PDB file of N, CA and C in Angstrom:
ATOM      1  N   MET A   1     114.001 151.775 122.803  1.00  0.00           N
ATOM      2  CA  MET A   1     113.410 150.944 123.845  1.00  0.00           C
ATOM      3  C   MET A   1     112.217 150.156 123.308  1.00  0.00           C
ATOM      4  N   THR A   2     111.387 150.821 122.521  1.00  0.00           N
ATOM      5  CA  THR A   2     110.214 150.160 121.954  1.00  0.00           C
ATOM      6  C   THR A   2     110.634 149.019 121.034  1.00  0.00           C
ATOM      7  N   THR A   3     111.681 149.238 120.241  1.00  0.00           N
ATOM      8  CA  THR A   3     112.158 148.203 119.330  1.00  0.00           C
ATOM      9  C   THR A   3     112.626 146.973 120.104  1.00  0.00           C
ATOM     10  N   ALA A   4     113.330 147.180 121.194  1.00  0.00           N
ATOM     11  CA  ALA A   4     113.806 146.060 122.008  1.00  0.00           C
ATOM     12  C   ALA A   4     112.638 145.293 122.609  1.00  0.00           C
ATOM     13  N   LEU A   5     111.632 145.997 123.086  1.00  0.00           N
ATOM     14  CA  LEU A   5     110.458 145.350 123.669  1.00  0.00           C
ATOM     15  C   LEU A   5     109.712 144.532 122.618  1.00  0.00           C
ATOM     16  N   VAL A   6     109.544 145.096 121.438  1.00  0.00           N
ATOM     17  CA  VAL A   6     108.874 144.377 120.350  1.00  0.00           C
ATOM     18  C   VAL A   6     109.684 143.138 119.971  1.00  0.00           C
ATOM     19  N   ALA A   7     111.006 143.267 119.908  1.00  0.00           N
ATOM     20  CA  ALA A   7     111.863 142.127 119.572  1.00  0.00           C
ATOM     21  C   ALA A   7     111.721 141.013 120.604  1.00  0.00           C
ATOM     22  N   ILE A   8     111.677 141.364 121.880  1.00  0.00           N
ATOM     23  CA  ILE A   8     111.518 140.365 122.943  1.00  0.00           C
ATOM     24  C   ILE A   8     110.166 139.668 122.828  1.00  0.00           C
ATOM     25  N   ILE A   9     109.120 140.434 122.553  1.00  0.00           N
ATOM     26  CA  ILE A   9     107.777 139.854 122.415  1.00  0.00           C
ATOM     27  C   ILE A   9     107.713 138.923 121.210  1.00  0.00           C
ATOM     28  N   VAL A  10     108.256 139.357 120.078  1.00  0.00           N
ATOM     29  CA  VAL A  10     108.240 138.530 118.867  1.00  0.00           C
ATOM     30  C   VAL A  10     109.052 137.252 119.092  1.00  0.00           C
ATOM     31  N   PHE A  11     110.225 137.388 119.704  1.00  0.00           N
ATOM     32  CA  PHE A  11     111.045 136.210 119.992  1.00  0.00           C
ATOM     33  C   PHE A  11     110.297 135.251 120.918  1.00  0.00           C
ATOM     34  N   GLY A  12     109.625 135.796 121.927  1.00  0.00           N
ATOM     35  CA  GLY A  12     108.840 134.973 122.841  1.00  0.00           C
ATOM     36  C   GLY A  12     107.734 134.214 122.126  1.00  0.00           C
ATOM     37  N   LEU A  13     107.079 134.872 121.178  1.00  0.00           N
ATOM     38  CA  LEU A  13     106.027 134.203 120.400  1.00  0.00           C
ATOM     39  C   LEU A  13     106.608 133.091 119.530  1.00  0.00           C
ATOM     40  N   LEU A  14     107.774 133.343 118.941  1.00  0.00           N
ATOM     41  CA  LEU A  14     108.424 132.304 118.135  1.00  0.00           C
ATOM     42  C   LEU A  14     108.802 131.099 118.995  1.00  0.00           C
ATOM     43  N   VAL A  15     109.316 131.362 120.188  1.00  0.00           N
ATOM     44  CA  VAL A  15     109.657 130.273 121.115  1.00  0.00           C
ATOM     45  C   VAL A  15     108.394 129.507 121.503  1.00  0.00           C
ATOM     46  N   LEU A  16     107.317 130.227 121.788  1.00  0.00           N
ATOM     47  CA  LEU A  16     106.046 129.590 122.149  1.00  0.00           C
ATOM     48  C   LEU A  16     105.571 128.655 121.034  1.00  0.00           C
ATOM     49  N   ILE A  17     105.614 129.121 119.799  1.00  0.00           N
ATOM     50  CA  ILE A  17     105.189 128.300 118.660  1.00  0.00           C
ATOM     51  C   ILE A  17     106.096 127.080 118.512  1.00  0.00           C
ATOM     52  N   HIS A  18     107.402 127.308 118.600  1.00  0.00           N
ATOM     53  CA  HIS A  18     108.370 126.217 118.451  1.00  0.00           C
ATOM     54  C   HIS A  18     108.178 125.150 119.533  1.00  0.00           C
ATOM     55  N   GLU A  19     108.112 125.567 120.777  1.00  0.00           N
ATOM     56  CA  GLU A  19     107.966 124.610 121.882  1.00  0.00           C
ATOM     57  C   GLU A  19     106.599 123.931 121.861  1.00  0.00           C
ATOM     58  N   SER A  20     105.585 124.626 121.361  1.00  0.00           N
ATOM     59  CA  SER A  20     104.253 124.018 121.236  1.00  0.00           C
ATOM     60  C   SER A  20     104.287 122.824 120.292  1.00  0.00           C
ATOM     61  N   GLY A  21     105.134 122.891 119.269  1.00  0.00           N
ATOM     62  CA  GLY A  21     105.285 121.754 118.361  1.00  0.00           C
ATOM     63  C   GLY A  21     105.785 120.520 119.092  1.00  0.00           C
ATOM     64  N   HIS A  22     106.819 120.697 119.924  1.00  0.00           N
ATOM     65  CA  HIS A  22     107.329 119.575 120.718  1.00  0.00           C
ATOM     66  C   HIS A  22     106.256 119.072 121.683  1.00  0.00           C
ATOM     67  N   PHE A  23     105.547 120.005 122.315  1.00  0.00           N
ATOM     68  CA  PHE A  23     104.518 119.664 123.298  1.00  0.00           C
ATOM     69  C   PHE A  23     103.405 118.825 122.666  1.00  0.00           C
ATOM     70  N   VAL A  24     102.870 119.289 121.547  1.00  0.00           N
ATOM     71  CA  VAL A  24     101.767 118.580 120.886  1.00  0.00           C
ATOM     72  C   VAL A  24     102.224 117.205 120.404  1.00  0.00           C
ATOM     73  N   ALA A  25     103.405 117.145 119.802  1.00  0.00           N
ATOM     74  CA  ALA A  25     103.912 115.855 119.324  1.00  0.00           C
ATOM     75  C   ALA A  25     104.110 114.879 120.483  1.00  0.00           C
ATOM     76  N   ALA A  26     104.633 115.370 121.605  1.00  0.00           N
ATOM     77  CA  ALA A  26     104.833 114.504 122.774  1.00  0.00           C
ATOM     78  C   ALA A  26     103.497 114.020 123.326  1.00  0.00           C
ATOM     79  N   LYS A  27     102.519 114.909 123.407  1.00  0.00           N
ATOM     80  CA  LYS A  27     101.189 114.505 123.888  1.00  0.00           C
ATOM     81  C   LYS A  27     100.582 113.446 122.967  1.00  0.00           C
ATOM     82  N   LEU A  28     100.687 113.655 121.655  1.00  0.00           N
ATOM     83  CA  LEU A  28     100.141 112.688 120.702  1.00  0.00           C
ATOM     84  C   LEU A  28     100.857 111.338 120.796  1.00  0.00           C
ATOM     85  N   ALA A  29     102.136 111.362 121.169  1.00  0.00           N
ATOM     86  CA  ALA A  29     102.907 110.123 121.322  1.00  0.00           C
ATOM     87  C   ALA A  29     102.675 109.469 122.683  1.00  0.00           C
ATOM     88  N   GLY A  30     101.887 110.115 123.550  1.00  0.00           N
ATOM     89  CA  GLY A  30     101.590 109.548 124.861  1.00  0.00           C
ATOM     90  C   GLY A  30     102.701 109.714 125.876  1.00  0.00           C
ATOM     91  N   ILE A  31     103.543 110.726 125.691  1.00  0.00           N
ATOM     92  CA  ILE A  31     104.662 110.964 126.602  1.00  0.00           C
ATOM     93  C   ILE A  31     104.207 111.864 127.745  1.00  0.00           C
ATOM     94  N   LYS A  32     104.620 111.520 128.958  1.00  0.00           N
ATOM     95  CA  LYS A  32     104.297 112.319 130.142  1.00  0.00           C
ATOM     96  C   LYS A  32     105.146 113.589 130.130  1.00  0.00           C
ATOM     97  N   ILE A  33     104.494 114.747 130.244  1.00  0.00           N
ATOM     98  CA  ILE A  33     105.186 116.032 130.228  1.00  0.00           C
ATOM     99  C   ILE A  33     105.121 116.636 131.624  1.00  0.00           C
ATOM    100  N   HIS A  34     106.298 116.920 132.181  1.00  0.00           N
ATOM    101  CA  HIS A  34     106.374 117.517 133.515  1.00  0.00           C
ATOM    102  C   HIS A  34     106.200 119.029 133.467  1.00  0.00           C
ATOM    103  N   GLU A  35     106.824 119.683 132.453  1.00  0.00           N
ATOM    104  CA  GLU A  35     106.771 121.148 132.418  1.00  0.00           C
ATOM    105  C   GLU A  35     106.870 121.666 130.992  1.00  0.00           C
ATOM    106  N   PHE A  36     106.090 122.700 130.721  1.00  0.00           N
ATOM    107  CA  PHE A  36     106.161 123.475 129.483  1.00  0.00           C
ATOM    108  C   PHE A  36     106.565 124.877 129.914  1.00  0.00           C
ATOM    109  N   ALA A  37     107.763 125.310 129.520  1.00  0.00           N
ATOM    110  CA  ALA A  37     108.286 126.591 130.003  1.00  0.00           C
ATOM    111  C   ALA A  37     108.663 127.511 128.854  1.00  0.00           C
ATOM    112  N   ILE A  38     108.345 128.782 129.022  1.00  0.00           N
ATOM    113  CA  ILE A  38     108.798 129.833 128.123  1.00  0.00           C
ATOM    114  C   ILE A  38     109.773 130.677 128.928  1.00  0.00           C
ATOM    115  N   GLY A  39     110.994 130.786 128.424  1.00  0.00           N
ATOM    116  CA  GLY A  39     112.044 131.502 129.136  1.00  0.00           C
ATOM    117  C   GLY A  39     112.902 130.540 129.936  1.00  0.00           C
ATOM    118  N   MET A  40     113.959 131.088 130.521  1.00  0.00           N
ATOM    119  CA  MET A  40     114.894 130.311 131.328  1.00  0.00           C
ATOM    120  C   MET A  40     115.069 131.009 132.677  1.00  0.00           C
ATOM    121  N   GLY A  41     115.699 130.331 133.608  1.00  0.00           N
ATOM    122  CA  GLY A  41     115.977 130.935 134.906  1.00  0.00           C
ATOM    123  C   GLY A  41     114.831 130.764 135.884  1.00  0.00           C
ATOM    124  N   PRO A  42     114.774 131.658 136.885  1.00  0.00           N
ATOM    125  CA  PRO A  42     113.753 131.543 137.934  1.00  0.00           C
ATOM    126  C   PRO A  42     112.328 131.683 137.385  1.00  0.00           C
ATOM    127  N   LYS A  43     111.405 130.971 138.003  1.00  0.00           N
ATOM    128  CA  LYS A  43     109.996 131.038 137.604  1.00  0.00           C
ATOM    129  C   LYS A  43     109.399 132.373 138.033  1.00  0.00           C
ATOM    130  N   LEU A  44     108.685 133.010 137.108  1.00  0.00           N
ATOM    131  CA  LEU A  44     107.925 134.216 137.438  1.00  0.00           C
ATOM    132  C   LEU A  44     106.470 133.861 137.713  1.00  0.00           C
ATOM    133  N   LEU A  45     105.922 133.003 136.865  1.00  0.00           N
ATOM    134  CA  LEU A  45     104.534 132.543 136.990  1.00  0.00           C
ATOM    135  C   LEU A  45     104.498 131.052 136.710  1.00  0.00           C
ATOM    136  N   GLN A  46     103.633 130.349 137.420  1.00  0.00           N
ATOM    137  CA  GLN A  46     103.450 128.930 137.139  1.00  0.00           C
ATOM    138  C   GLN A  46     102.031 128.530 137.480  1.00  0.00           C
ATOM    139  N   THR A  47     101.471 127.706 136.618  1.00  0.00           N
ATOM    140  CA  THR A  47     100.173 127.108 136.879  1.00  0.00           C
ATOM    141  C   THR A  47     100.286 125.634 136.518  1.00  0.00           C
ATOM    142  N   ARG A  48      99.390 124.850 137.022  1.00  0.00           N
ATOM    143  CA  ARG A  48      99.425 123.416 136.758  1.00  0.00           C
ATOM    144  C   ARG A  48      98.052 122.975 136.275  1.00  0.00           C
ATOM    145  N   LYS A  49      98.071 122.167 135.220  1.00  0.00           N
ATOM    146  CA  LYS A  49      96.849 121.535 134.740  1.00  0.00           C
ATOM    147  C   LYS A  49      97.174 120.056 134.588  1.00  0.00           C
ATOM    148  N   GLY A  50      96.515 119.242 135.385  1.00  0.00           N
ATOM    149  CA  GLY A  50      96.824 117.818 135.382  1.00  0.00           C
ATOM    150  C   GLY A  50      98.235 117.587 135.879  1.00  0.00           C
ATOM    151  N   GLU A  51      99.002 116.804 135.137  1.00  0.00           N
ATOM    152  CA  GLU A  51     100.363 116.469 135.551  1.00  0.00           C
ATOM    153  C   GLU A  51     101.411 117.431 135.001  1.00  0.00           C
ATOM    154  N   THR A  52     100.990 118.430 134.229  1.00  0.00           N
ATOM    155  CA  THR A  52     101.926 119.342 133.571  1.00  0.00           C
ATOM    156  C   THR A  52     101.911 120.719 134.212  1.00  0.00           C
ATOM    157  N   ALA A  53     103.107 121.239 134.504  1.00  0.00           N
ATOM    158  CA  ALA A  53     103.263 122.615 134.984  1.00  0.00           C
ATOM    159  C   ALA A  53     103.547 123.500 133.777  1.00  0.00           C
ATOM    160  N   TYR A  54     102.912 124.650 133.737  1.00  0.00           N
ATOM    161  CA  TYR A  54     103.120 125.636 132.673  1.00  0.00           C
ATOM    162  C   TYR A  54     103.744 126.855 133.329  1.00  0.00           C
ATOM    163  N   SER A  55     104.927 127.268 132.845  1.00  0.00           N
ATOM    164  CA  SER A  55     105.615 128.358 133.527  1.00  0.00           C
ATOM    165  C   SER A  55     106.192 129.382 132.564  1.00  0.00           C
ATOM    166  N   ILE A  56     106.279 130.605 133.079  1.00  0.00           N
ATOM    167  CA  ILE A  56     106.982 131.696 132.417  1.00  0.00           C
ATOM    168  C   ILE A  56     108.170 132.000 133.311  1.00  0.00           C
ATOM    169  N   ARG A  57     109.349 132.049 132.708  1.00  0.00           N
ATOM    170  CA  ARG A  57     110.582 132.234 133.468  1.00  0.00           C
ATOM    171  C   ARG A  57     111.203 133.591 133.163  1.00  0.00           C
ATOM    172  N   ALA A  58     112.142 133.996 134.007  1.00  0.00           N
ATOM    173  CA  ALA A  58     112.657 135.365 134.031  1.00  0.00           C
ATOM    174  C   ALA A  58     113.423 135.795 132.777  1.00  0.00           C
ATOM    175  N   LEU A  59     114.184 134.914 132.173  1.00  0.00           N
ATOM    176  CA  LEU A  59     115.025 135.298 131.042  1.00  0.00           C
ATOM    177  C   LEU A  59     114.391 134.849 129.730  1.00  0.00           C
ATOM    178  N   PRO A  60     113.987 135.789 128.886  1.00  0.00           N
ATOM    179  CA  PRO A  60     113.303 135.433 127.634  1.00  0.00           C
ATOM    180  C   PRO A  60     114.284 134.948 126.564  1.00  0.00           C
ATOM    181  N   LEU A  61     115.000 133.886 126.867  1.00  0.00           N
ATOM    182  CA  LEU A  61     116.055 133.394 125.977  1.00  0.00           C
ATOM    183  C   LEU A  61     115.781 131.999 125.443  1.00  0.00           C
ATOM    184  N   GLY A  62     114.565 131.592 125.385  1.00  0.00           N
ATOM    185  CA  GLY A  62     114.236 130.267 124.888  1.00  0.00           C
ATOM    186  C   GLY A  62     113.102 129.659 125.677  1.00  0.00           C
ATOM    187  N   GLY A  63     113.046 128.352 125.666  1.00  0.00           N
ATOM    188  CA  GLY A  63     112.011 127.633 126.386  1.00  0.00           C
ATOM    189  C   GLY A  63     112.291 126.146 126.281  1.00  0.00           C
ATOM    190  N   TYR A  64     111.448 125.361 126.902  1.00  0.00           N
ATOM    191  CA  TYR A  64     111.647 123.919 126.844  1.00  0.00           C
ATOM    192  C   TYR A  64     110.384 123.179 127.247  1.00  0.00           C
ATOM    193  N   VAL A  65     110.352 121.899 126.855  1.00  0.00           N
ATOM    194  CA  VAL A  65     109.331 120.952 127.289  1.00  0.00           C
ATOM    195  C   VAL A  65     110.090 119.847 128.022  1.00  0.00           C
ATOM    196  N   ARG A  66     109.840 119.704 129.316  1.00  0.00           N
ATOM    197  CA  ARG A  66     110.533 118.686 130.119  1.00  0.00           C
ATOM    198  C   ARG A  66     109.662 117.434 130.174  1.00  0.00           C
ATOM    199  N   MET A  67     110.158 116.369 129.546  1.00  0.00           N
ATOM    200  CA  MET A  67     109.412 115.121 129.425  1.00  0.00           C
ATOM    201  C   MET A  67     110.001 114.036 130.317  1.00  0.00           C
ATOM    202  N   GLU A  68     109.158 113.146 130.776  1.00  0.00           N
ATOM    203  CA  GLU A  68     109.595 111.988 131.564  1.00  0.00           C
ATOM    204  C   GLU A  68     110.576 111.157 130.734  1.00  0.00           C
ATOM    205  N   GLY A  69     111.723 110.838 131.322  1.00  0.00           N
ATOM    206  CA  GLY A  69     112.675 109.945 130.679  1.00  0.00           C
ATOM    207  C   GLY A  69     113.490 110.551 129.559  1.00  0.00           C
ATOM    208  N   GLU A  70     113.395 111.845 129.356  1.00  0.00           N
ATOM    209  CA  GLU A  70     114.160 112.472 128.269  1.00  0.00           C
ATOM    210  C   GLU A  70     115.644 112.562 128.627  1.00  0.00           C
ATOM    211  N   ASP A  71     115.939 112.946 129.856  1.00  0.00           N
ATOM    212  CA  ASP A  71     117.328 113.130 130.289  1.00  0.00           C
ATOM    213  C   ASP A  71     117.771 112.135 131.351  1.00  0.00           C
ATOM    214  N   GLU A  72     116.862 111.306 131.814  1.00  0.00           N
ATOM    215  CA  GLU A  72     117.197 110.361 132.879  1.00  0.00           C
ATOM    216  C   GLU A  72     116.544 109.020 132.577  1.00  0.00           C
ATOM    217  N   GLU A  73     117.022 107.991 133.235  1.00  0.00           N
ATOM    218  CA  GLU A  73     116.409 106.674 133.097  1.00  0.00           C
ATOM    219  C   GLU A  73     115.042 106.690 133.777  1.00  0.00           C
ATOM    220  N   SER A  74     114.084 106.011 133.171  1.00  0.00           N
ATOM    221  CA  SER A  74     112.746 105.951 133.744  1.00  0.00           C
ATOM    222  C   SER A  74     112.095 104.627 133.373  1.00  0.00           C
ATOM    223  N   ASP A  75     111.406 104.050 134.338  1.00  0.00           N
ATOM    224  CA  ASP A  75     110.651 102.822 134.091  1.00  0.00           C
ATOM    225  C   ASP A  75     109.201 103.121 133.726  1.00  0.00           C
ATOM    226  N   ASP A  76     108.835 104.394 133.720  1.00  0.00           N
ATOM    227  CA  ASP A  76     107.470 104.802 133.394  1.00  0.00           C
ATOM    228  C   ASP A  76     107.168 104.431 131.938  1.00  0.00           C
ATOM    229  N   PRO A  77     106.071 103.712 131.697  1.00  0.00           N
ATOM    230  CA  PRO A  77     105.734 103.341 130.314  1.00  0.00           C
ATOM    231  C   PRO A  77     105.416 104.549 129.427  1.00  0.00           C
ATOM    232  N   ARG A  78     105.209 105.713 130.038  1.00  0.00           N
ATOM    233  CA  ARG A  78     104.930 106.926 129.261  1.00  0.00           C
ATOM    234  C   ARG A  78     106.175 107.803 129.101  1.00  0.00           C
ATOM    235  N   SER A  79     107.350 107.243 129.380  1.00  0.00           N
ATOM    236  CA  SER A  79     108.579 108.028 129.265  1.00  0.00           C
ATOM    237  C   SER A  79     108.980 108.188 127.800  1.00  0.00           C
ATOM    238  N   PHE A  80     109.752 109.224 127.545  1.00  0.00           N
ATOM    239  CA  PHE A  80     110.256 109.506 126.201  1.00  0.00           C
ATOM    240  C   PHE A  80     111.006 108.296 125.642  1.00  0.00           C
ATOM    241  N   ASN A  81     111.884 107.711 126.441  1.00  0.00           N
ATOM    242  CA  ASN A  81     112.711 106.598 125.970  1.00  0.00           C
ATOM    243  C   ASN A  81     111.941 105.305 125.746  1.00  0.00           C
ATOM    244  N   SER A  82     110.734 105.191 126.291  1.00  0.00           N
ATOM    245  CA  SER A  82     109.949 103.972 126.092  1.00  0.00           C
ATOM    246  C   SER A  82     109.110 104.028 124.814  1.00  0.00           C
ATOM    247  N   ARG A  83     109.052 105.169 124.185  1.00  0.00           N
ATOM    248  CA  ARG A  83     108.269 105.330 122.961  1.00  0.00           C
ATOM    249  C   ARG A  83     109.035 104.768 121.763  1.00  0.00           C
ATOM    250  N   PRO A  84     108.319 104.382 120.710  1.00  0.00           N
ATOM    251  CA  PRO A  84     108.997 103.887 119.499  1.00  0.00           C
ATOM    252  C   PRO A  84     109.914 104.966 118.896  1.00  0.00           C
ATOM    253  N   VAL A  85     110.919 104.515 118.172  1.00  0.00           N
ATOM    254  CA  VAL A  85     111.906 105.430 117.595  1.00  0.00           C
ATOM    255  C   VAL A  85     111.244 106.501 116.731  1.00  0.00           C
ATOM    256  N   LEU A  86     110.289 106.131 115.903  1.00  0.00           N
ATOM    257  CA  LEU A  86     109.646 107.125 115.033  1.00  0.00           C
ATOM    258  C   LEU A  86     108.879 108.174 115.832  1.00  0.00           C
ATOM    259  N   ALA A  87     108.296 107.784 116.942  1.00  0.00           N
ATOM    260  CA  ALA A  87     107.601 108.755 117.799  1.00  0.00           C
ATOM    261  C   ALA A  87     108.601 109.727 118.411  1.00  0.00           C
ATOM    262  N   ARG A  88     109.745 109.219 118.863  1.00  0.00           N
ATOM    263  CA  ARG A  88     110.775 110.097 119.435  1.00  0.00           C
ATOM    264  C   ARG A  88     111.320 111.062 118.389  1.00  0.00           C
ATOM    265  N   ILE A  89     111.519 110.571 117.180  1.00  0.00           N
ATOM    266  CA  ILE A  89     111.990 111.439 116.095  1.00  0.00           C
ATOM    267  C   ILE A  89     110.965 112.528 115.819  1.00  0.00           C
ATOM    268  N   ALA A  90     109.691 112.165 115.795  1.00  0.00           N
ATOM    269  CA  ALA A  90     108.628 113.153 115.552  1.00  0.00           C
ATOM    270  C   ALA A  90     108.628 114.236 116.622  1.00  0.00           C
ATOM    271  N   VAL A  91     108.820 113.858 117.878  1.00  0.00           N
ATOM    272  CA  VAL A  91     108.843 114.838 118.972  1.00  0.00           C
ATOM    273  C   VAL A  91     110.046 115.763 118.829  1.00  0.00           C
ATOM    274  N   ILE A  92     111.190 115.214 118.523  1.00  0.00           N
ATOM    275  CA  ILE A  92     112.403 116.026 118.402  1.00  0.00           C
ATOM    276  C   ILE A  92     112.296 117.011 117.242  1.00  0.00           C
ATOM    277  N   PHE A  93     111.778 116.567 116.114  1.00  0.00           N
ATOM    278  CA  PHE A  93     111.720 117.427 114.931  1.00  0.00           C
ATOM    279  C   PHE A  93     110.457 118.266 114.824  1.00  0.00           C
ATOM    280  N   ALA A  94     109.515 118.093 115.741  1.00  0.00           N
ATOM    281  CA  ALA A  94     108.263 118.866 115.688  1.00  0.00           C
ATOM    282  C   ALA A  94     108.525 120.341 115.942  1.00  0.00           C
TER     283      ALA A  94
END
């Protein structure tokens, strides 16, 4: 049981570090971020600072950074798709 708990915690930390790379790169590129989430599924905890929601979700199976215009069309000048190609590449590979 202890090994499984440690594995979940370590995996969660790796996800946090990985998603933080996308988050920082997107912020530096001037992209509007709607949500920074660790885990998937229903929200367990959520707080908001400025325009970004920070959440911990029920299933510790990954995480994501939800950016304006990443998956949908957007006219917002701060959307992912409105940024230069090199900025988008930096966010994806961060």
